Protein backbone atom coordinates (compact mmCIF):
# COMPACT_ATOMS: atom_id res chain seq x y z
CA MET A 1 94.86 149.82 91.54
CA LYS A 2 96.24 153.29 90.94
CA GLU A 3 99.81 153.88 89.86
CA VAL A 4 102.17 154.34 92.81
CA LYS A 5 103.58 157.85 92.98
CA ASN A 6 107.25 158.64 93.30
CA GLU A 7 106.77 161.50 95.77
CA THR A 8 106.33 161.07 99.51
CA TYR A 9 102.79 160.22 100.61
CA ASP A 10 101.23 161.92 103.60
CA ILE A 11 100.17 158.57 105.08
CA CYS A 12 101.01 154.94 104.41
CA VAL A 13 98.68 152.35 105.95
CA ILE A 14 100.03 148.81 106.34
CA GLY A 15 97.20 146.31 106.02
CA ALA A 16 93.63 146.68 104.75
CA GLY A 17 92.10 144.69 107.59
CA ILE A 18 89.59 145.58 110.28
CA ALA A 19 91.71 148.57 111.36
CA GLY A 20 93.55 149.50 108.14
CA ALA A 21 90.61 149.86 105.79
CA PRO A 22 88.52 151.99 108.20
CA ILE A 23 91.38 154.35 109.15
CA ALA A 24 92.29 154.89 105.48
CA SER A 25 88.65 155.49 104.59
CA TYR A 26 88.10 157.85 107.54
CA LEU A 27 91.20 159.86 106.67
CA GLY A 28 90.35 159.83 102.97
CA LYS A 29 88.02 162.79 103.38
CA SER A 30 91.02 164.93 104.41
CA GLY A 31 92.19 165.03 100.80
CA LYS A 32 95.70 163.97 101.86
CA ASN A 33 97.63 161.48 99.73
CA ILE A 34 97.23 158.02 101.28
CA ALA A 35 98.72 154.69 100.24
CA ILE A 36 97.40 151.44 101.69
CA ILE A 37 99.35 148.22 101.19
CA GLU A 38 97.64 144.83 101.50
CA PHE A 39 98.94 141.39 100.52
CA ASP A 40 95.55 139.81 99.72
CA TRP A 41 92.67 142.00 98.57
CA GLY A 42 90.46 138.99 97.90
CA LEU A 43 87.63 137.61 100.00
CA GLN A 44 88.96 135.98 103.17
CA GLU A 45 87.27 133.80 105.76
CA ARG A 46 88.05 133.99 109.48
CA ILE A 47 86.34 132.39 112.45
CA LEU A 48 86.78 135.55 114.54
CA GLY A 49 85.63 139.10 113.90
CA GLU A 50 82.10 137.84 113.22
CA LEU A 51 80.35 139.48 116.16
CA LEU A 52 79.95 143.25 116.25
CA GLN A 53 78.69 144.46 119.62
CA PRO A 54 76.23 147.42 119.68
CA GLY A 55 78.90 149.84 120.95
CA GLY A 56 81.18 148.75 118.12
CA TYR A 57 78.42 149.36 115.58
CA MET A 58 77.90 152.82 117.03
CA ARG A 59 81.61 153.60 116.56
CA LEU A 60 81.38 152.23 113.01
CA CYS A 61 78.53 154.67 112.35
CA ASP A 62 80.60 157.50 113.88
CA LEU A 63 83.23 156.71 111.24
CA GLY A 64 80.60 157.06 108.52
CA LEU A 65 80.84 153.33 107.75
CA GLY A 66 77.59 152.04 109.23
CA ASP A 67 76.26 150.92 105.85
CA CYS A 68 79.12 148.40 105.56
CA ILE A 69 76.98 145.86 107.41
CA GLU A 70 74.37 146.06 104.64
CA ASN A 71 73.96 143.56 101.77
CA ILE A 72 76.01 140.84 103.51
CA ASP A 73 73.11 139.01 105.21
CA ALA A 74 74.20 140.27 108.64
CA VAL A 75 71.93 139.23 111.52
CA PRO A 76 70.79 141.81 114.11
CA MET A 77 71.78 140.69 117.62
CA VAL A 78 69.61 141.79 120.55
CA GLY A 79 71.18 139.92 123.47
CA TYR A 80 72.43 136.64 124.91
CA ALA A 81 71.04 133.33 126.11
CA LEU A 82 73.00 131.65 128.91
CA TYR A 83 72.99 127.91 129.61
CA ARG A 84 74.30 126.01 132.62
CA GLN A 85 73.48 122.51 133.89
CA GLY A 86 70.10 122.30 132.22
CA GLU A 87 69.02 125.86 133.10
CA GLU A 88 68.76 128.82 130.75
CA PHE A 89 67.72 132.48 130.61
CA THR A 90 68.14 135.45 128.30
CA ILE A 91 69.50 138.99 128.66
CA LYS A 92 68.80 141.76 126.17
CA TYR A 93 70.91 144.80 125.42
CA PRO A 94 69.51 147.97 127.02
CA VAL A 95 66.52 149.64 125.41
CA GLU A 96 66.80 153.41 124.98
CA GLY A 97 63.74 154.39 122.99
CA LYS A 98 64.34 151.46 120.67
CA GLN A 99 66.13 148.14 120.93
CA ILE A 100 69.89 148.52 120.55
CA THR A 101 71.41 145.83 118.36
CA GLY A 102 74.73 144.37 117.45
CA PHE A 103 75.32 142.15 114.42
CA GLY A 104 76.47 138.65 113.64
CA LEU A 105 78.17 138.63 110.25
CA ARG A 106 80.65 136.89 107.99
CA ASN A 107 83.97 138.60 108.54
CA GLY A 108 85.21 138.31 104.96
CA HIS A 109 82.12 139.90 103.42
CA PHE A 110 82.16 142.69 106.00
CA MET A 111 85.83 143.32 105.23
CA GLN A 112 85.15 143.58 101.51
CA ASN A 113 82.50 146.23 102.17
CA LEU A 114 84.96 148.21 104.31
CA ARG A 115 87.59 147.98 101.58
CA ALA A 116 85.11 149.04 98.91
CA THR A 117 84.72 152.42 100.64
CA LEU A 118 88.32 153.23 99.68
CA ASP A 119 87.40 153.40 96.00
CA GLN A 120 85.41 156.61 96.47
CA TYR A 121 88.60 158.57 97.16
CA GLU A 122 90.91 159.63 94.33
CA ASN A 123 93.57 160.46 96.93
CA ILE A 124 93.83 156.83 98.16
CA THR A 125 96.18 154.47 96.33
CA LYS A 126 95.67 150.74 96.90
CA ILE A 127 98.78 148.57 96.54
CA SER A 128 99.07 144.76 96.39
CA GLY A 129 102.17 143.67 98.25
CA ARG A 130 103.74 142.46 101.46
CA VAL A 131 105.47 145.02 103.69
CA MET A 132 108.85 143.73 104.84
CA ASP A 133 110.24 146.54 106.98
CA PHE A 134 110.25 150.21 107.83
CA ILE A 135 112.68 152.56 106.14
CA GLU A 136 114.38 154.66 108.80
CA GLU A 137 116.56 157.73 108.63
CA ASP A 138 118.13 159.30 111.73
CA GLY A 139 115.79 157.29 113.97
CA LYS A 140 112.69 158.37 112.07
CA VAL A 141 110.40 156.13 109.98
CA ILE A 142 110.21 157.64 106.51
CA GLY A 143 108.42 154.83 104.70
CA VAL A 144 108.39 151.09 104.05
CA LYS A 145 109.98 148.38 101.93
CA TYR A 146 107.50 145.99 100.36
CA ILE A 147 107.45 143.12 97.88
CA GLU A 148 105.07 143.91 95.03
CA ASN A 149 102.75 140.99 94.28
CA ASP A 150 102.70 141.32 90.49
CA THR A 151 106.45 141.58 89.96
CA ASN A 152 107.82 139.99 93.15
CA GLU A 153 110.22 142.94 93.23
CA GLU A 154 111.19 144.91 96.32
CA LYS A 155 109.79 148.42 96.22
CA ILE A 156 110.16 151.49 98.40
CA LEU A 157 107.32 153.76 99.40
CA LYS A 158 107.99 156.94 101.33
CA ALA A 159 105.47 158.57 103.68
CA HIS A 160 105.51 161.20 106.42
CA LEU A 161 103.45 158.86 108.65
CA THR A 162 103.10 155.09 108.56
CA VAL A 163 100.09 153.52 110.32
CA ALA A 164 101.04 149.91 111.13
CA CYS A 165 97.96 147.70 111.44
CA GLU A 166 99.15 144.30 110.23
CA GLY A 167 96.90 142.26 112.54
CA PRO A 168 97.58 139.59 115.20
CA HIS A 169 100.80 138.32 113.61
CA ALA A 170 102.35 141.75 113.00
CA ARG A 171 106.03 141.49 112.08
CA LEU A 172 106.78 145.17 112.80
CA ARG A 173 105.12 145.34 116.23
CA GLY A 174 108.41 145.01 118.12
CA LYS A 175 109.73 148.18 116.48
CA LEU A 176 106.92 150.27 117.97
CA SER A 177 105.98 148.45 121.16
CA LYS A 178 107.62 146.50 123.98
CA ALA A 179 104.51 144.37 124.59
CA ASN A 180 104.70 140.59 124.42
CA LYS A 181 101.89 138.70 122.74
CA LYS A 182 100.60 135.76 124.79
CA VAL A 183 98.48 132.83 123.67
CA ASN A 184 96.17 131.60 126.43
CA GLY A 185 94.21 129.11 124.39
CA HIS A 186 92.64 128.34 121.04
CA PHE A 187 89.12 128.64 119.71
CA VAL A 188 88.10 125.65 117.62
CA GLY A 189 85.42 126.76 115.20
CA LEU A 190 82.70 125.04 113.22
CA LYS A 191 80.08 126.51 110.92
CA LEU A 192 76.63 125.04 111.63
CA LYS A 193 74.35 125.16 108.60
CA ASN A 194 70.57 125.54 108.77
CA CYS A 195 70.78 125.58 112.56
CA PRO A 196 67.61 126.79 114.32
CA LEU A 197 68.68 128.69 117.44
CA PRO A 198 66.34 128.59 120.46
CA TYR A 199 66.53 132.38 120.69
CA PRO A 200 66.95 134.04 117.27
CA GLY A 201 69.18 137.11 117.30
CA HIS A 202 70.99 136.00 120.45
CA GLY A 203 74.45 134.77 121.20
CA HIS A 204 74.18 131.47 123.09
CA LEU A 205 76.80 131.05 125.82
CA VAL A 206 77.09 127.58 127.33
CA ILE A 207 78.93 127.38 130.66
CA THR A 208 80.48 123.95 131.13
CA ASP A 209 82.45 122.32 133.95
CA THR A 210 85.69 123.41 132.28
CA THR A 211 85.65 126.25 129.76
CA PRO A 212 82.71 127.87 127.92
CA PHE A 213 81.60 127.71 124.31
CA ILE A 214 79.48 130.10 122.31
CA ILE A 215 77.20 129.88 119.28
CA TYR A 216 75.77 132.83 117.37
CA PRO A 217 74.33 133.54 113.90
CA ILE A 218 76.58 134.94 111.19
CA SER A 219 74.00 134.86 108.37
CA SER A 220 70.37 133.86 107.86
CA ASN A 221 71.34 130.18 107.50
CA GLU A 222 74.73 129.88 109.22
CA VAL A 223 75.71 129.75 112.88
CA ARG A 224 79.23 130.02 114.24
CA LEU A 225 80.37 127.70 117.01
CA LEU A 226 83.50 128.53 119.01
CA ILE A 227 84.79 126.08 121.63
CA ASP A 228 87.63 127.13 123.89
CA PHE A 229 90.67 124.89 124.36
CA PRO A 230 92.96 126.44 127.00
CA GLY A 231 96.75 126.25 126.86
CA GLU A 232 99.49 127.40 124.52
CA LYS A 233 99.54 124.22 122.42
CA PRO A 234 96.83 123.94 119.78
CA PRO A 235 94.53 120.90 119.92
CA ARG A 236 94.84 118.23 117.25
CA PHE A 237 92.12 117.49 114.75
CA GLY A 238 91.09 114.03 113.63
CA GLU A 239 88.89 111.21 114.86
CA LYS A 240 89.70 111.87 118.53
CA MET A 241 88.47 115.44 118.15
CA LYS A 242 85.23 114.19 116.61
CA GLU A 243 84.79 111.73 119.47
CA LEU A 244 85.34 114.47 122.03
CA MET A 245 82.80 116.68 120.31
CA MET A 246 80.10 114.03 120.34
CA GLU A 247 80.79 112.48 123.74
CA TYR A 248 81.35 115.64 125.80
CA TYR A 249 79.90 118.64 123.94
CA TYR A 250 76.92 117.17 122.07
CA PRO A 251 74.81 116.62 125.24
CA LEU A 252 75.41 120.25 126.30
CA PHE A 253 73.96 121.78 123.13
CA PRO A 254 70.46 123.26 123.01
CA GLU A 255 68.15 120.60 121.60
CA SER A 256 67.26 122.47 118.39
CA THR A 257 70.95 122.82 117.44
CA LYS A 258 72.10 119.25 118.01
CA GLU A 259 71.39 117.91 114.53
CA SER A 260 73.28 120.75 112.82
CA PHE A 261 76.17 120.31 115.26
CA LYS A 262 76.32 116.57 114.59
CA ASN A 263 76.37 117.14 110.82
CA ALA A 264 79.17 119.71 111.14
CA VAL A 265 81.26 117.35 113.27
CA GLU A 266 80.80 114.51 110.77
CA GLU A 267 81.82 116.85 107.93
CA GLY A 268 84.95 117.65 109.96
CA ALA A 269 85.56 121.17 108.60
CA PHE A 270 87.20 122.35 111.82
CA ASP A 271 89.01 125.65 111.94
CA MET A 272 91.14 127.13 114.70
CA PHE A 273 92.49 130.47 115.83
CA PRO A 274 94.72 131.28 118.83
CA ASN A 275 93.26 133.43 121.60
CA HIS A 276 95.75 136.25 122.04
CA ARG A 277 96.31 138.69 124.83
CA LEU A 278 98.38 141.75 124.05
CA VAL A 279 98.57 144.73 126.38
CA GLY A 280 98.97 148.03 124.55
CA GLU A 281 102.48 149.19 125.47
CA PRO A 282 103.67 151.34 122.56
CA PHE A 283 106.55 153.76 122.55
CA MET A 284 106.87 156.94 120.54
CA LYS A 285 108.76 156.64 117.28
CA THR A 286 108.67 159.55 114.88
CA GLY A 287 106.91 158.72 111.64
CA ALA A 288 104.92 155.67 112.77
CA VAL A 289 101.97 154.61 114.94
CA LEU A 290 100.45 151.24 115.88
CA LEU A 291 96.75 150.48 115.45
CA GLY A 292 94.37 147.53 115.75
CA ASP A 293 95.50 144.02 116.74
CA SER A 294 99.08 145.09 116.12
CA LEU A 295 98.70 147.28 119.20
CA ASN A 296 96.23 145.58 121.53
CA MET A 297 94.31 142.29 121.79
CA ARG A 298 92.03 140.69 124.34
CA HIS A 299 90.26 137.32 124.75
CA PRO A 300 87.57 136.97 122.07
CA ILE A 301 84.94 135.39 124.37
CA THR A 302 82.97 138.67 124.62
CA GLY A 303 83.20 139.59 120.94
CA GLY A 304 84.68 142.95 121.90
CA GLY A 305 87.59 143.03 119.47
CA MET A 306 85.99 145.08 116.68
CA SER A 307 84.46 147.47 119.22
CA ALA A 308 87.92 148.20 120.62
CA VAL A 309 89.46 148.58 117.17
CA PHE A 310 86.78 150.97 115.89
CA SER A 311 87.14 153.03 119.06
CA ASP A 312 90.88 153.31 118.42
CA VAL A 313 90.34 154.12 114.74
CA LYS A 314 87.99 156.96 115.66
CA LYS A 315 90.35 158.37 118.32
CA LEU A 316 93.44 158.22 116.10
CA GLY A 317 91.53 159.44 113.06
CA ASP A 318 90.16 162.46 114.90
CA GLN A 319 93.67 163.42 115.95
CA LEU A 320 95.19 162.96 112.51
CA LEU A 321 92.41 164.92 110.79
CA GLN A 322 93.60 168.00 112.70
CA ILE A 323 97.00 167.89 110.95
CA GLU A 324 97.44 170.33 108.07
CA ASP A 325 101.00 169.39 107.10
CA TYR A 326 102.21 165.83 107.76
CA ALA A 327 105.77 166.98 107.17
CA ASN A 328 105.43 168.87 110.47
CA THR A 329 107.01 166.18 112.65
CA SER A 330 106.29 167.80 116.00
CA ASP A 331 102.58 168.23 115.19
CA VAL A 332 102.26 164.61 114.06
CA ASN A 333 104.06 163.36 117.19
CA GLU A 334 101.82 165.45 119.42
CA LYS A 335 98.67 163.99 117.89
CA ILE A 336 99.96 160.40 118.17
CA LYS A 337 100.92 160.98 121.80
CA VAL A 338 97.39 162.19 122.57
CA PHE A 339 95.98 159.06 120.92
CA TYR A 340 98.19 156.69 122.91
CA GLU A 341 97.43 158.49 126.18
CA THR A 342 93.64 158.65 125.76
CA ARG A 343 92.73 155.47 123.86
CA HIS A 344 92.16 153.54 127.10
CA ASP A 345 89.01 155.60 127.70
CA GLY A 346 87.38 153.66 124.89
CA THR A 347 88.99 150.23 125.30
CA ALA A 348 89.83 149.58 128.96
CA THR A 349 86.48 148.12 130.03
CA ILE A 350 86.29 146.03 126.83
CA ASN A 351 89.72 144.53 127.51
CA ILE A 352 89.22 144.02 131.25
CA LEU A 353 85.82 142.36 130.88
CA ALA A 354 86.99 140.04 128.10
CA ASP A 355 89.96 138.64 130.01
CA ALA A 356 88.20 138.69 133.39
CA LEU A 357 85.05 136.95 132.15
CA TYR A 358 87.07 134.21 130.50
CA GLN A 359 88.87 133.48 133.77
CA VAL A 360 85.60 133.62 135.73
CA LEU A 361 83.86 131.18 133.40
CA SER A 362 86.85 128.83 133.62
CA ASP A 363 86.50 128.63 137.42
CA GLY A 364 83.60 126.42 138.58
CA ASN A 365 82.65 128.43 141.69
CA LEU A 366 82.92 131.84 140.06
CA ALA A 367 81.12 130.63 136.93
CA GLU A 368 78.19 129.46 139.07
CA ALA A 369 78.17 132.77 140.98
CA CYS A 370 78.23 134.75 137.71
CA TYR A 371 75.36 132.73 136.25
CA ASN A 372 73.23 133.16 139.38
CA TYR A 373 73.98 136.88 139.56
CA LEU A 374 72.98 137.56 135.95
CA LYS A 375 69.88 135.37 136.31
CA LYS A 376 68.47 137.78 138.91
CA GLY A 377 67.79 140.25 136.10
CA GLY A 378 67.29 143.97 136.48
CA GLU A 379 70.48 145.96 136.90
CA LYS A 380 72.37 142.76 137.77
CA ALA A 381 71.87 141.67 134.16
CA GLU A 382 71.52 144.96 132.29
CA GLY A 383 74.62 146.48 133.91
CA PRO A 384 77.07 143.76 132.88
CA ILE A 385 75.62 143.38 129.38
CA SER A 386 75.88 147.14 128.82
CA ILE A 387 79.63 146.76 129.47
CA LEU A 388 79.91 143.61 127.35
CA GLY A 389 78.06 145.40 124.53
CA ALA A 390 80.67 148.23 124.66
CA LEU A 391 77.88 150.65 125.58
CA ASN A 392 79.13 151.50 129.07
CA LYS A 393 82.82 152.39 129.43
CA ASP A 394 82.71 153.17 133.19
CA GLU A 395 85.52 151.22 134.88
CA ALA A 396 84.05 151.80 138.36
CA TYR A 397 80.75 150.32 137.17
CA LEU A 398 82.57 147.23 135.91
CA LYS A 399 84.35 146.80 139.26
CA LYS A 400 81.06 147.20 141.12
CA HIS A 401 79.42 144.31 139.29
CA PHE A 402 82.51 142.12 139.26
CA TYR A 403 82.91 142.23 143.03
CA ALA A 404 79.15 141.88 143.52
CA VAL A 405 79.38 138.54 141.71
CA ALA A 406 82.20 137.34 143.96
CA LYS A 407 80.46 138.52 147.15
CA GLN A 408 77.19 136.89 146.16
CA GLY A 409 78.99 133.66 145.40
CA ALA A 410 80.76 133.75 148.76
CA LYS A 411 77.46 134.43 150.51
CA GLU A 412 75.76 131.51 148.75
CA LYS A 413 78.57 129.25 149.92
CA LEU A 414 77.53 129.88 153.52
CA LEU A 415 73.98 128.60 153.00
CA PRO A 416 72.02 127.08 154.64
CA PHE A 417 74.35 127.83 157.57
CA PRO A 418 78.05 128.70 157.79
CA THR A 419 80.74 126.18 158.63
CA PRO A 420 84.51 126.68 158.82
CA LYS A 421 84.86 124.88 155.48
CA LYS A 422 82.21 127.04 153.80
CA ILE A 423 83.73 130.23 155.20
CA LYS A 424 87.09 129.15 153.80
CA GLU A 425 85.57 128.46 150.38
CA GLY A 426 83.79 131.83 150.35
CA THR A 427 86.95 133.68 151.30
CA LYS A 428 88.84 131.81 148.60
CA MET A 429 86.32 132.99 145.97
CA VAL A 430 86.80 136.65 146.88
CA LYS A 431 90.58 136.23 146.83
CA LYS A 432 90.37 134.56 143.41
CA ALA A 433 88.26 137.43 142.12
CA ASN A 434 90.90 139.87 143.35
CA SER A 435 93.67 137.88 141.70
CA ILE A 436 91.78 138.09 138.40
CA LEU A 437 90.70 141.72 138.39
CA LEU A 438 93.54 143.65 140.01
CA PRO A 439 96.26 142.67 137.47
CA LEU A 440 93.89 143.51 134.60
CA LEU A 441 93.11 146.92 136.05
CA LYS A 442 96.82 147.59 136.32
CA THR A 443 97.57 146.60 132.74
CA GLU A 444 94.90 148.97 131.41
CA ARG A 445 96.59 152.03 132.83
CA ILE A 446 98.38 154.24 130.31
CA HIS A 447 101.50 152.49 128.98
CA LEU A 448 103.48 154.92 126.85
CA ASN A 449 107.17 154.17 126.99
């Protein structure tokens, strides 16, 4: 760790997480003085942020950080396998000259690689501490107060711009955004060891009668399992959880994975993380900007979180790299305003699909319609997975496929011949689809207060 300077830094980054480390590294090439404050620089383990979609990897490469997935035993991901009521099929990401891949990886090891890139810049100062609050003067953020880890003393660090990317539980979010974080469920996670997947290099999505679960590789000998438990209250662990896992979920697992799943349940090393939804609704405040999960979150079922974050990092970074003098308040404000007003171009379809797909897969009729639609293959499969893989950002294209699923489901309800009851059920499906998609489209419009 370098010695903290007394003068005002150009940029202070709060948090060296999935947004903080990349933005600091990307801006490091500017030569500006940057301080980045992180409470725990050690290796951390999380059950989310372990799936990097192809579009997210492309953004990572655009940031010059593509090699951060190397030397961590990351697994190339080429597509998905879908399971429902004893049936299964696979979908691959689009092929454009060569197979496009995402990656399954261990979040903590990936994070350490991202953080290691900071060491190449003499102009970046890493600080161990916990940020407590902004320092404000005449309504402008001029720095932060933080508790230094080594001394447990309160310190002050001044900066012309503070980039707040504290993560899902950001304490300073309310000072830069009016958005309310909502918890719509919890993912219960298990790590399956030496688990042979039926389709290597695929995420395996199992559609159940209630809510879905997903399994995907995170290293050459480890597979992540995430099971959704809806509702604001977290589920309880213990013997009842183990019984539920074996009685309800065990029969639904692909045959080759059952033994590893059983061993993991018996070991009982359950982990849990809340599924957040946070609409990006920032307001302008001179001297500060929100980034990452502090700004915007979506349901993790599609693994789109890192793709959205890296898109935001690239957009904000490109704006900030144009600034010659960070003491020029009006120039800094202008660049932040452009970021807030254009970021949706890179994140809207990721957010909409994540929250819409979760609701679809939690509704029996729509889940069946979605499965049958994707199973037809061709554009009906390649189109949706290009959106899920953060490769296609066309909102109209997303709407086209979403409503095609609902219409096909309604049509299937009428077979072999229509009855008043079937017509009612089909109409209800289309209305439900509308009630899912329209509010999400509205929330992804520009929200700059």
